[in-house]
Amino acid sequence: MSKKVPNNSTVSPSIITRDVVKLEEGTNNLYESISIIGKRSKQISTKTKEELNGKLSEFASSVDNLEEIFENREQIEISKFYERMPKPSTLAIEEYLEKKVMFRKPTNG
C-alpha cells in the first residue's frame, strides 16, 4: 500500500529493508550517502513544518476561547493530513535512490 504525497510521488509508508549497496552507489561511501540523505531529510522536514505552521497560523485568534480551539474541525483535518504523510527520512531515501537529490563535494584547495 502506498500513499500519494504532495510532490506527486508515490512512497510506501511502511518500513522497508534497504540494500546498502544501492545506497552507496552515488558516492561509493555508505556514510557519505547517509549524510546526504540526512541533510535532505532535514530540508524536507523544515519545509513541511513551515508549510504546516503557515496553514495553522490562519486559525490563530487573539482571544483565548477554548471551545473554539477544540471544535475547529478544519484545523484537525489539516493536522491529520500531515500526520499521515510519509516521514521525511523515507522521502529523502526515495529521492536519493531515484537520483533526484543533487549534491556536490567541496574541492580542497
PDB file of N, CA and C in Angstrom:
ATOM      1  N   MET A   1       0.844  -1.171   0.000  1.00  0.00           N
ATOM      2  CA  MET A   1       0.000   0.000   0.000  1.00  0.00           C
ATOM      3  C   MET A   1       0.888   1.231   0.000  1.00  0.00           C
ATOM      4  N   SER A   2       0.578   2.216  -0.804  1.00  0.00           N
ATOM      5  CA  SER A   2       1.371   3.433  -0.844  1.00  0.00           C
ATOM      6  C   SER A   2       0.450   4.633  -0.769  1.00  0.00           C
ATOM      7  N   LYS A   3       1.028   5.746  -0.328  1.00  0.00           N
ATOM      8  CA  LYS A   3       0.265   6.977  -0.180  1.00  0.00           C
ATOM      9  C   LYS A   3       0.712   7.980  -1.224  1.00  0.00           C
ATOM     10  N   LYS A   4      -0.197   8.845  -1.593  1.00  0.00           N
ATOM     11  CA  LYS A   4       0.123   9.933  -2.505  1.00  0.00           C
ATOM     12  C   LYS A   4       0.591  11.115  -1.661  1.00  0.00           C
ATOM     13  N   VAL A   5       1.727  11.657  -1.986  1.00  0.00           N
ATOM     14  CA  VAL A   5       2.265  12.793  -1.245  1.00  0.00           C
ATOM     15  C   VAL A   5       2.209  14.027  -2.122  1.00  0.00           C
ATOM     16  N   PRO A   6       2.297  15.229  -1.521  1.00  0.00           N
ATOM     17  CA  PRO A   6       2.105  16.459  -2.282  1.00  0.00           C
ATOM     18  C   PRO A   6       2.997  16.622  -3.501  1.00  0.00           C
ATOM     19  N   ASN A   7       4.210  16.073  -3.509  1.00  0.00           N
ATOM     20  CA  ASN A   7       5.088  16.298  -4.655  1.00  0.00           C
ATOM     21  C   ASN A   7       4.845  15.287  -5.769  1.00  0.00           C
ATOM     22  N   ASN A   8       3.676  14.657  -5.783  1.00  0.00           N
ATOM     23  CA  ASN A   8       3.227  13.748  -6.841  1.00  0.00           C
ATOM     24  C   ASN A   8       4.065  12.489  -6.984  1.00  0.00           C
ATOM     25  N   SER A   9       4.774  12.081  -5.950  1.00  0.00           N
ATOM     26  CA  SER A   9       5.480  10.804  -5.987  1.00  0.00           C
ATOM     27  C   SER A   9       4.750   9.836  -5.077  1.00  0.00           C
ATOM     28  N   THR A  10       4.944   8.556  -5.317  1.00  0.00           N
ATOM     29  CA  THR A  10       4.295   7.557  -4.510  1.00  0.00           C
ATOM     30  C   THR A  10       5.351   6.900  -3.632  1.00  0.00           C
ATOM     31  N   VAL A  11       5.151   6.971  -2.326  1.00  0.00           N
ATOM     32  CA  VAL A  11       6.114   6.437  -1.383  1.00  0.00           C
ATOM     33  C   VAL A  11       5.382   5.534  -0.409  1.00  0.00           C
ATOM     34  N   SER A  12       5.953   4.365  -0.162  1.00  0.00           N
ATOM     35  CA  SER A  12       5.351   3.435   0.775  1.00  0.00           C
ATOM     36  C   SER A  12       5.533   3.951   2.199  1.00  0.00           C
ATOM     37  N   PRO A  13       4.478   3.982   3.005  1.00  0.00           N
ATOM     38  CA  PRO A  13       4.585   4.490   4.365  1.00  0.00           C
ATOM     39  C   PRO A  13       5.171   3.471   5.348  1.00  0.00           C
ATOM     40  N   SER A  14       5.341   2.228   4.928  1.00  0.00           N
ATOM     41  CA  SER A  14       5.821   1.198   5.838  1.00  0.00           C
ATOM     42  C   SER A  14       7.345   1.098   5.829  1.00  0.00           C
ATOM     43  N   ILE A  15       7.863   0.378   6.795  1.00  0.00           N
ATOM     44  CA  ILE A  15       9.307   0.183   6.895  1.00  0.00           C
ATOM     45  C   ILE A  15       9.763  -0.779   5.807  1.00  0.00           C
ATOM     46  N   ILE A  16      10.862  -0.432   5.156  1.00  0.00           N
ATOM     47  CA  ILE A  16      11.381  -1.223   4.049  1.00  0.00           C
ATOM     48  C   ILE A  16      12.845  -1.543   4.340  1.00  0.00           C
ATOM     49  N   THR A  17      13.234  -2.775   4.068  1.00  0.00           N
ATOM     50  CA  THR A  17      14.644  -3.136   4.165  1.00  0.00           C
ATOM     51  C   THR A  17      15.357  -2.561   2.957  1.00  0.00           C
ATOM     52  N   ARG A  18      16.453  -1.843   3.201  1.00  0.00           N
ATOM     53  CA  ARG A  18      17.175  -1.182   2.118  1.00  0.00           C
ATOM     54  C   ARG A  18      18.460  -1.936   1.797  1.00  0.00           C
ATOM     55  N   ASP A  19      18.820  -1.962   0.538  1.00  0.00           N
ATOM     56  CA  ASP A  19      20.061  -2.568   0.079  1.00  0.00           C
ATOM     57  C   ASP A  19      21.156  -1.513   0.206  1.00  0.00           C
ATOM     58  N   VAL A  20      22.122  -1.743   1.102  1.00  0.00           N
ATOM     59  CA  VAL A  20      23.158  -0.739   1.331  1.00  0.00           C
ATOM     60  C   VAL A  20      24.046  -0.536   0.109  1.00  0.00           C
ATOM     61  N   VAL A  21      24.145  -1.523  -0.743  1.00  0.00           N
ATOM     62  CA  VAL A  21      24.945  -1.373  -1.970  1.00  0.00           C
ATOM     63  C   VAL A  21      24.316  -0.306  -2.860  1.00  0.00           C
ATOM     64  N   LYS A  22      22.978  -0.298  -2.945  1.00  0.00           N
ATOM     65  CA  LYS A  22      22.301   0.725  -3.744  1.00  0.00           C
ATOM     66  C   LYS A  22      22.459   2.106  -3.124  1.00  0.00           C
ATOM     67  N   LEU A  23      22.493   2.153  -1.790  1.00  0.00           N
ATOM     68  CA  LEU A  23      22.636   3.445  -1.119  1.00  0.00           C
ATOM     69  C   LEU A  23      24.009   4.065  -1.361  1.00  0.00           C
ATOM     70  N   GLU A  24      25.026   3.242  -1.484  1.00  0.00           N
ATOM     71  CA  GLU A  24      26.365   3.811  -1.653  1.00  0.00           C
ATOM     72  C   GLU A  24      26.756   4.007  -3.122  1.00  0.00           C
ATOM     73  N   GLU A  25      25.871   3.661  -4.064  1.00  0.00           N
ATOM     74  CA  GLU A  25      26.190   3.788  -5.486  1.00  0.00           C
ATOM     75  C   GLU A  25      26.550   5.209  -5.904  1.00  0.00           C
ATOM     76  N   GLY A  26      25.866   6.205  -5.398  1.00  0.00           N
ATOM     77  CA  GLY A  26      26.105   7.581  -5.836  1.00  0.00           C
ATOM     78  C   GLY A  26      27.401   8.182  -5.343  1.00  0.00           C
ATOM     79  N   THR A  27      27.912   7.690  -4.209  1.00  0.00           N
ATOM     80  CA  THR A  27      29.100   8.297  -3.601  1.00  0.00           C
ATOM     81  C   THR A  27      30.249   7.318  -3.414  1.00  0.00           C
ATOM     82  N   ASN A  28      29.997   6.035  -3.554  1.00  0.00           N
ATOM     83  CA  ASN A  28      30.962   4.969  -3.247  1.00  0.00           C
ATOM     84  C   ASN A  28      31.346   4.960  -1.769  1.00  0.00           C
ATOM     85  N   ASN A  29      30.494   5.549  -0.928  1.00  0.00           N
ATOM     86  CA  ASN A  29      30.743   5.603   0.504  1.00  0.00           C
ATOM     87  C   ASN A  29      29.386   5.629   1.207  1.00  0.00           C
ATOM     88  N   LEU A  30      29.061   4.568   1.919  1.00  0.00           N
ATOM     89  CA  LEU A  30      27.767   4.451   2.576  1.00  0.00           C
ATOM     90  C   LEU A  30      27.524   5.592   3.558  1.00  0.00           C
ATOM     91  N   TYR A  31      28.534   5.952   4.336  1.00  0.00           N
ATOM     92  CA  TYR A  31      28.365   7.002   5.346  1.00  0.00           C
ATOM     93  C   TYR A  31      28.120   8.366   4.713  1.00  0.00           C
ATOM     94  N   GLU A  32      28.773   8.627   3.598  1.00  0.00           N
ATOM     95  CA  GLU A  32      28.545   9.878   2.886  1.00  0.00           C
ATOM     96  C   GLU A  32      27.126   9.919   2.316  1.00  0.00           C
ATOM     97  N   SER A  33      26.672   8.794   1.780  1.00  0.00           N
ATOM     98  CA  SER A  33      25.307   8.715   1.248  1.00  0.00           C
ATOM     99  C   SER A  33      24.287   8.960   2.354  1.00  0.00           C
ATOM    100  N   ILE A  34      24.518   8.354   3.514  1.00  0.00           N
ATOM    101  CA  ILE A  34      23.591   8.532   4.638  1.00  0.00           C
ATOM    102  C   ILE A  34      23.605   9.980   5.117  1.00  0.00           C
ATOM    103  N   SER A  35      24.769  10.608   5.098  1.00  0.00           N
ATOM    104  CA  SER A  35      24.861  12.018   5.477  1.00  0.00           C
ATOM    105  C   SER A  35      24.050  12.890   4.515  1.00  0.00           C
ATOM    106  N   ILE A  36      24.157  12.608   3.231  1.00  0.00           N
ATOM    107  CA  ILE A  36      23.406  13.356   2.216  1.00  0.00           C
ATOM    108  C   ILE A  36      21.909  13.146   2.413  1.00  0.00           C
ATOM    109  N   ILE A  37      21.507  11.907   2.649  1.00  0.00           N
ATOM    110  CA  ILE A  37      20.090  11.596   2.880  1.00  0.00           C
ATOM    111  C   ILE A  37      19.594  12.312   4.131  1.00  0.00           C
ATOM    112  N   GLY A  38      20.419  12.329   5.177  1.00  0.00           N
ATOM    113  CA  GLY A  38      20.048  13.015   6.416  1.00  0.00           C
ATOM    114  C   GLY A  38      19.843  14.500   6.222  1.00  0.00           C
ATOM    115  N   LYS A  39      20.719  15.124   5.440  1.00  0.00           N
ATOM    116  CA  LYS A  39      20.591  16.552   5.171  1.00  0.00           C
ATOM    117  C   LYS A  39      19.338  16.844   4.350  1.00  0.00           C
ATOM    118  N   ARG A  40      19.062  15.988   3.368  1.00  0.00           N
ATOM    119  CA  ARG A  40      17.848  16.170   2.556  1.00  0.00           C
ATOM    120  C   ARG A  40      16.601  15.970   3.408  1.00  0.00           C
ATOM    121  N   SER A  41      16.653  14.991   4.311  1.00  0.00           N
ATOM    122  CA  SER A  41      15.531  14.732   5.210  1.00  0.00           C
ATOM    123  C   SER A  41      15.235  15.962   6.070  1.00  0.00           C
ATOM    124  N   LYS A  42      16.287  16.603   6.559  1.00  0.00           N
ATOM    125  CA  LYS A  42      16.108  17.813   7.373  1.00  0.00           C
ATOM    126  C   LYS A  42      15.494  18.935   6.546  1.00  0.00           C
ATOM    127  N   GLN A  43      15.900  19.068   5.278  1.00  0.00           N
ATOM    128  CA  GLN A  43      15.312  20.077   4.392  1.00  0.00           C
ATOM    129  C   GLN A  43      13.814  19.828   4.214  1.00  0.00           C
ATOM    130  N   ILE A  44      13.454  18.567   3.961  1.00  0.00           N
ATOM    131  CA  ILE A  44      12.040  18.210   3.769  1.00  0.00           C
ATOM    132  C   ILE A  44      11.257  18.490   5.040  1.00  0.00           C
ATOM    133  N   SER A  45      11.818  18.105   6.179  1.00  0.00           N
ATOM    134  CA  SER A  45      11.157  18.302   7.467  1.00  0.00           C
ATOM    135  C   SER A  45      10.919  19.786   7.744  1.00  0.00           C
ATOM    136  N   THR A  46      11.917  20.599   7.498  1.00  0.00           N
ATOM    137  CA  THR A  46      11.801  22.050   7.726  1.00  0.00           C
ATOM    138  C   THR A  46      10.742  22.656   6.819  1.00  0.00           C
ATOM    139  N   LYS A  47      10.753  22.263   5.553  1.00  0.00           N
ATOM    140  CA  LYS A  47       9.771  22.792   4.595  1.00  0.00           C
ATOM    141  C   LYS A  47       8.347  22.387   5.006  1.00  0.00           C
ATOM    142  N   THR A  48       8.183  21.134   5.394  1.00  0.00           N
ATOM    143  CA  THR A  48       6.868  20.643   5.798  1.00  0.00           C
ATOM    144  C   THR A  48       6.381  21.348   7.061  1.00  0.00           C
ATOM    145  N   LYS A  49       7.287  21.541   8.011  1.00  0.00           N
ATOM    146  CA  LYS A  49       6.923  22.218   9.257  1.00  0.00           C
ATOM    147  C   LYS A  49       6.507  23.661   8.996  1.00  0.00           C
ATOM    148  N   GLU A  50       7.251  24.360   8.135  1.00  0.00           N
ATOM    149  CA  GLU A  50       6.892  25.735   7.783  1.00  0.00           C
ATOM    150  C   GLU A  50       5.530  25.788   7.102  1.00  0.00           C
ATOM    151  N   GLU A  51       5.292  24.835   6.210  1.00  0.00           N
ATOM    152  CA  GLU A  51       4.015  24.771   5.495  1.00  0.00           C
ATOM    153  C   GLU A  51       2.863  24.534   6.474  1.00  0.00           C
ATOM    154  N   LEU A  52       3.046  23.580   7.384  1.00  0.00           N
ATOM    155  CA  LEU A  52       2.013  23.278   8.377  1.00  0.00           C
ATOM    156  C   LEU A  52       1.776  24.470   9.294  1.00  0.00           C
ATOM    157  N   ASN A  53       2.836  25.087   9.786  1.00  0.00           N
ATOM    158  CA  ASN A  53       2.687  26.253  10.668  1.00  0.00           C
ATOM    159  C   ASN A  53       1.982  27.398   9.955  1.00  0.00           C
ATOM    160  N   GLY A  54       2.270  27.573   8.655  1.00  0.00           N
ATOM    161  CA  GLY A  54       1.595  28.607   7.885  1.00  0.00           C
ATOM    162  C   GLY A  54       0.095  28.361   7.782  1.00  0.00           C
ATOM    163  N   LYS A  55      -0.258  27.107   7.544  1.00  0.00           N
ATOM    164  CA  LYS A  55      -1.684  26.779   7.433  1.00  0.00           C
ATOM    165  C   LYS A  55      -2.387  26.894   8.784  1.00  0.00           C
ATOM    166  N   LEU A  56      -1.710  26.474   9.854  1.00  0.00           N
ATOM    167  CA  LEU A  56      -2.331  26.526  11.180  1.00  0.00           C
ATOM    168  C   LEU A  56      -2.383  27.949  11.730  1.00  0.00           C
ATOM    169  N   SER A  57      -1.472  28.816  11.265  1.00  0.00           N
ATOM    170  CA  SER A  57      -1.482  30.195  11.755  1.00  0.00           C
ATOM    171  C   SER A  57      -2.736  30.939  11.303  1.00  0.00           C
ATOM    172  N   GLU A  58      -3.359  30.468  10.239  1.00  0.00           N
ATOM    173  CA  GLU A  58      -4.613  31.078   9.779  1.00  0.00           C
ATOM    174  C   GLU A  58      -5.712  30.927  10.821  1.00  0.00           C
ATOM    175  N   PHE A  59      -5.561  29.935  11.690  1.00  0.00           N
ATOM    176  CA  PHE A  59      -6.576  29.670  12.695  1.00  0.00           C
ATOM    177  C   PHE A  59      -6.288  30.370  14.021  1.00  0.00           C
ATOM    178  N   ALA A  60      -5.147  31.013  14.131  1.00  0.00           N
ATOM    179  CA  ALA A  60      -4.779  31.680  15.377  1.00  0.00           C
ATOM    180  C   ALA A  60      -5.739  32.825  15.646  1.00  0.00           C
ATOM    181  N   SER A  61      -6.152  32.927  16.893  1.00  0.00           N
ATOM    182  CA  SER A  61      -7.045  34.027  17.261  1.00  0.00           C
ATOM    183  C   SER A  61      -6.438  34.752  18.449  1.00  0.00           C
ATOM    184  N   SER A  62      -6.777  36.009  18.558  1.00  0.00           N
ATOM    185  CA  SER A  62      -6.257  36.816  19.657  1.00  0.00           C
ATOM    186  C   SER A  62      -7.023  36.556  20.950  1.00  0.00           C
ATOM    187  N   VAL A  63      -8.165  35.916  20.844  1.00  0.00           N
ATOM    188  CA  VAL A  63      -8.993  35.616  22.010  1.00  0.00           C
ATOM    189  C   VAL A  63      -8.792  34.152  22.381  1.00  0.00           C
ATOM    190  N   ASP A  64      -8.546  33.889  23.639  1.00  0.00           N
ATOM    191  CA  ASP A  64      -8.372  32.510  24.101  1.00  0.00           C
ATOM    192  C   ASP A  64      -9.730  31.900  24.431  1.00  0.00           C
ATOM    193  N   ASN A  65     -10.356  31.349  23.431  1.00  0.00           N
ATOM    194  CA  ASN A  65     -11.652  30.707  23.604  1.00  0.00           C
ATOM    195  C   ASN A  65     -11.441  29.216  23.418  1.00  0.00           C
ATOM    196  N   LEU A  66     -11.403  28.450  24.497  1.00  0.00           N
ATOM    197  CA  LEU A  66     -11.097  27.025  24.427  1.00  0.00           C
ATOM    198  C   LEU A  66     -12.109  26.243  23.596  1.00  0.00           C
ATOM    199  N   GLU A  67     -13.359  26.621  23.654  1.00  0.00           N
ATOM    200  CA  GLU A  67     -14.370  25.913  22.862  1.00  0.00           C
ATOM    201  C   GLU A  67     -14.080  26.048  21.374  1.00  0.00           C
ATOM    202  N   GLU A  68     -13.659  27.221  20.954  1.00  0.00           N
ATOM    203  CA  GLU A  68     -13.364  27.452  19.542  1.00  0.00           C
ATOM    204  C   GLU A  68     -12.155  26.627  19.104  1.00  0.00           C
ATOM    205  N   ILE A  69     -11.167  26.507  19.965  1.00  0.00           N
ATOM    206  CA  ILE A  69      -9.960  25.752  19.641  1.00  0.00           C
ATOM    207  C   ILE A  69     -10.280  24.274  19.481  1.00  0.00           C
ATOM    208  N   PHE A  70     -11.037  23.719  20.375  1.00  0.00           N
ATOM    209  CA  PHE A  70     -11.322  22.286  20.341  1.00  0.00           C
ATOM    210  C   PHE A  70     -12.333  21.901  19.270  1.00  0.00           C
ATOM    211  N   GLU A  71     -13.127  22.829  18.803  1.00  0.00           N
ATOM    212  CA  GLU A  71     -14.164  22.496  17.829  1.00  0.00           C
ATOM    213  C   GLU A  71     -13.785  22.835  16.391  1.00  0.00           C
ATOM    214  N   ASN A  72     -12.590  23.236  16.151  1.00  0.00           N
ATOM    215  CA  ASN A  72     -12.185  23.632  14.809  1.00  0.00           C
ATOM    216  C   ASN A  72     -11.816  22.389  13.988  1.00  0.00           C
ATOM    217  N   ARG A  73     -12.778  21.862  13.278  1.00  0.00           N
ATOM    218  CA  ARG A  73     -12.608  20.621  12.526  1.00  0.00           C
ATOM    219  C   ARG A  73     -11.622  20.761  11.355  1.00  0.00           C
ATOM    220  N   GLU A  74     -11.628  21.891  10.713  1.00  0.00           N
ATOM    221  CA  GLU A  74     -10.725  22.090   9.578  1.00  0.00           C
ATOM    222  C   GLU A  74      -9.264  22.030  10.042  1.00  0.00           C
ATOM    223  N   GLN A  75      -8.977  22.627  11.170  1.00  0.00           N
ATOM    224  CA  GLN A  75      -7.636  22.593  11.736  1.00  0.00           C
ATOM    225  C   GLN A  75      -7.231  21.157  12.072  1.00  0.00           C
ATOM    226  N   ILE A  76      -8.149  20.394  12.600  1.00  0.00           N
ATOM    227  CA  ILE A  76      -7.886  18.992  12.932  1.00  0.00           C
ATOM    228  C   ILE A  76      -7.607  18.195  11.668  1.00  0.00           C
ATOM    229  N   GLU A  77      -8.378  18.419  10.605  1.00  0.00           N
ATOM    230  CA  GLU A  77      -8.158  17.704   9.345  1.00  0.00           C
ATOM    231  C   GLU A  77      -6.797  18.022   8.736  1.00  0.00           C
ATOM    232  N   ILE A  78      -6.385  19.275   8.805  1.00  0.00           N
ATOM    233  CA  ILE A  78      -5.063  19.655   8.296  1.00  0.00           C
ATOM    234  C   ILE A  78      -3.984  18.923   9.080  1.00  0.00           C
ATOM    235  N   SER A  79      -4.111  18.905  10.393  1.00  0.00           N
ATOM    236  CA  SER A  79      -3.124  18.223  11.236  1.00  0.00           C
ATOM    237  C   SER A  79      -3.079  16.730  10.936  1.00  0.00           C
ATOM    238  N   LYS A  80      -4.225  16.114  10.767  1.00  0.00           N
ATOM    239  CA  LYS A  80      -4.275  14.680  10.463  1.00  0.00           C
ATOM    240  C   LYS A  80      -3.632  14.374   9.113  1.00  0.00           C
ATOM    241  N   PHE A  81      -3.839  15.253   8.133  1.00  0.00           N
ATOM    242  CA  PHE A  81      -3.224  15.067   6.823  1.00  0.00           C
ATOM    243  C   PHE A  81      -1.705  15.009   6.951  1.00  0.00           C
ATOM    244  N   TYR A  82      -1.140  15.945   7.705  1.00  0.00           N
ATOM    245  CA  TYR A  82       0.312  15.981   7.873  1.00  0.00           C
ATOM    246  C   TYR A  82       0.819  14.799   8.701  1.00  0.00           C
ATOM    247  N   GLU A  83       0.026  14.306   9.632  1.00  0.00           N
ATOM    248  CA  GLU A  83       0.417  13.137  10.421  1.00  0.00           C
ATOM    249  C   GLU A  83       0.481  11.882   9.556  1.00  0.00           C
ATOM    250  N   ARG A  84      -0.366  11.790   8.538  1.00  0.00           N
ATOM    251  CA  ARG A  84      -0.410  10.610   7.672  1.00  0.00           C
ATOM    252  C   ARG A  84       0.667  10.625   6.586  1.00  0.00           C
ATOM    253  N   MET A  85       1.316  11.735   6.392  1.00  0.00           N
ATOM    254  CA  MET A  85       2.348  11.826   5.355  1.00  0.00           C
ATOM    255  C   MET A  85       3.534  10.936   5.707  1.00  0.00           C
ATOM    256  N   PRO A  86       4.233  10.431   4.694  1.00  0.00           N
ATOM    257  CA  PRO A  86       5.444   9.644   4.965  1.00  0.00           C
ATOM    258  C   PRO A  86       6.480  10.500   5.688  1.00  0.00           C
ATOM    259  N   LYS A  87       7.323   9.853   6.448  1.00  0.00           N
ATOM    260  CA  LYS A  87       8.344  10.566   7.199  1.00  0.00           C
ATOM    261  C   LYS A  87       9.349  11.199   6.238  1.00  0.00           C
ATOM    262  N   PRO A  88       9.935  12.332   6.639  1.00  0.00           N
ATOM    263  CA  PRO A  88      10.927  12.987   5.782  1.00  0.00           C
ATOM    264  C   PRO A  88      12.093  12.073   5.412  1.00  0.00           C
ATOM    265  N   SER A  89      12.510  11.211   6.319  1.00  0.00           N
ATOM    266  CA  SER A  89      13.622  10.305   6.018  1.00  0.00           C
ATOM    267  C   SER A  89      13.242   9.324   4.911  1.00  0.00           C
ATOM    268  N   THR A  90      12.008   8.859   4.902  1.00  0.00           N
ATOM    269  CA  THR A  90      11.541   7.951   3.855  1.00  0.00           C
ATOM    270  C   THR A  90      11.538   8.659   2.504  1.00  0.00           C
ATOM    271  N   LEU A  91      11.039   9.895   2.494  1.00  0.00           N
ATOM    272  CA  LEU A  91      11.023  10.669   1.251  1.00  0.00           C
ATOM    273  C   LEU A  91      12.442  10.935   0.760  1.00  0.00           C
ATOM    274  N   ALA A  92      13.354  11.263   1.680  1.00  0.00           N
ATOM    275  CA  ALA A  92      14.734  11.558   1.302  1.00  0.00           C
ATOM    276  C   ALA A  92      15.418  10.330   0.714  1.00  0.00           C
ATOM    277  N   ILE A  93      15.188   9.163   1.287  1.00  0.00           N
ATOM    278  CA  ILE A  93      15.777   7.930   0.756  1.00  0.00           C
ATOM    279  C   ILE A  93      15.262   7.665  -0.648  1.00  0.00           C
ATOM    280  N   GLU A  94      13.966   7.795  -0.842  1.00  0.00           N
ATOM    281  CA  GLU A  94      13.385   7.565  -2.169  1.00  0.00           C
ATOM    282  C   GLU A  94      13.958   8.547  -3.190  1.00  0.00           C
ATOM    283  N   GLU A  95      14.057   9.816  -2.822  1.00  0.00           N
ATOM    284  CA  GLU A  95      14.621  10.810  -3.737  1.00  0.00           C
ATOM    285  C   GLU A  95      16.069  10.467  -4.079  1.00  0.00           C
ATOM    286  N   TYR A  96      16.833  10.041  -3.080  1.00  0.00           N
ATOM    287  CA  TYR A  96      18.241   9.697  -3.311  1.00  0.00           C
ATOM    288  C   TYR A  96      18.356   8.504  -4.256  1.00  0.00           C
ATOM    289  N   LEU A  97      17.559   7.473  -4.007  1.00  0.00           N
ATOM    290  CA  LEU A  97      17.618   6.277  -4.852  1.00  0.00           C
ATOM    291  C   LEU A  97      17.144   6.554  -6.281  1.00  0.00           C
ATOM    292  N   GLU A  98      16.241   7.507  -6.444  1.00  0.00           N
ATOM    293  CA  GLU A  98      15.749   7.885  -7.770  1.00  0.00           C
ATOM    294  C   GLU A  98      16.634   8.952  -8.418  1.00  0.00           C
ATOM    295  N   LYS A  99      17.759   9.261  -7.771  1.00  0.00           N
ATOM    296  CA  LYS A  99      18.741  10.241  -8.262  1.00  0.00           C
ATOM    297  C   LYS A  99      18.120  11.630  -8.463  1.00  0.00           C
ATOM    298  N   LYS A 100      17.234  12.010  -7.547  1.00  0.00           N
ATOM    299  CA  LYS A 100      16.606  13.327  -7.583  1.00  0.00           C
ATOM    300  C   LYS A 100      17.271  14.302  -6.620  1.00  0.00           C
ATOM    301  N   VAL A 101      18.269  13.831  -5.875  1.00  0.00           N
ATOM    302  CA  VAL A 101      18.970  14.676  -4.914  1.00  0.00           C
ATOM    303  C   VAL A 101      20.282  15.136  -5.531  1.00  0.00           C
ATOM    304  N   MET A 102      20.459  16.431  -5.601  1.00  0.00           N
ATOM    305  CA  MET A 102      21.696  16.992  -6.151  1.00  0.00           C
ATOM    306  C   MET A 102      22.643  17.286  -4.995  1.00  0.00           C
ATOM    307  N   PHE A 103      23.904  16.871  -5.128  1.00  0.00           N
ATOM    308  CA  PHE A 103      24.910  17.158  -4.116  1.00  0.00           C
ATOM    309  C   PHE A 103      26.249  17.331  -4.795  1.00  0.00           C
ATOM    310  N   ARG A 104      27.140  17.976  -4.095  1.00  0.00           N
ATOM    311  CA  ARG A 104      28.495  18.156  -4.638  1.00  0.00           C
ATOM    312  C   ARG A 104      29.479  18.074  -3.502  1.00  0.00           C
ATOM    313  N   LYS A 105      30.670  17.655  -3.844  1.00  0.00           N
ATOM    314  CA  LYS A 105      31.737  17.553  -2.859  1.00  0.00           C
ATOM    315  C   LYS A 105      32.558  18.833  -2.923  1.00  0.00           C
ATOM    316  N   PRO A 106      32.884  19.391  -1.754  1.00  0.00           N
ATOM    317  CA  PRO A 106      33.717  20.595  -1.775  1.00  0.00           C
ATOM    318  C   PRO A 106      35.119  20.253  -2.287  1.00  0.00           C
ATOM    319  N   THR A 107      35.712  21.166  -3.010  1.00  0.00           N
ATOM    320  CA  THR A 107      37.061  20.946  -3.528  1.00  0.00           C
ATOM    321  C   THR A 107      38.073  21.451  -2.523  1.00  0.00           C
ATOM    322  N   ASN A 108      39.151  20.736  -2.382  1.00  0.00           N
ATOM    323  CA  ASN A 108      40.233  21.143  -1.475  1.00  0.00           C
ATOM    324  C   ASN A 108      41.214  22.010  -2.246  1.00  0.00           C
ATOM    325  N   GLY A 109      41.474  23.175  -1.703  1.00  0.00           N
ATOM    326  CA  GLY A 109      42.477  23.969  -2.380  1.00  0.00           C
ATOM    327  C   GLY A 109      42.197  25.373  -2.488  1.00  0.00           C
TER     328      GLY A 109
END
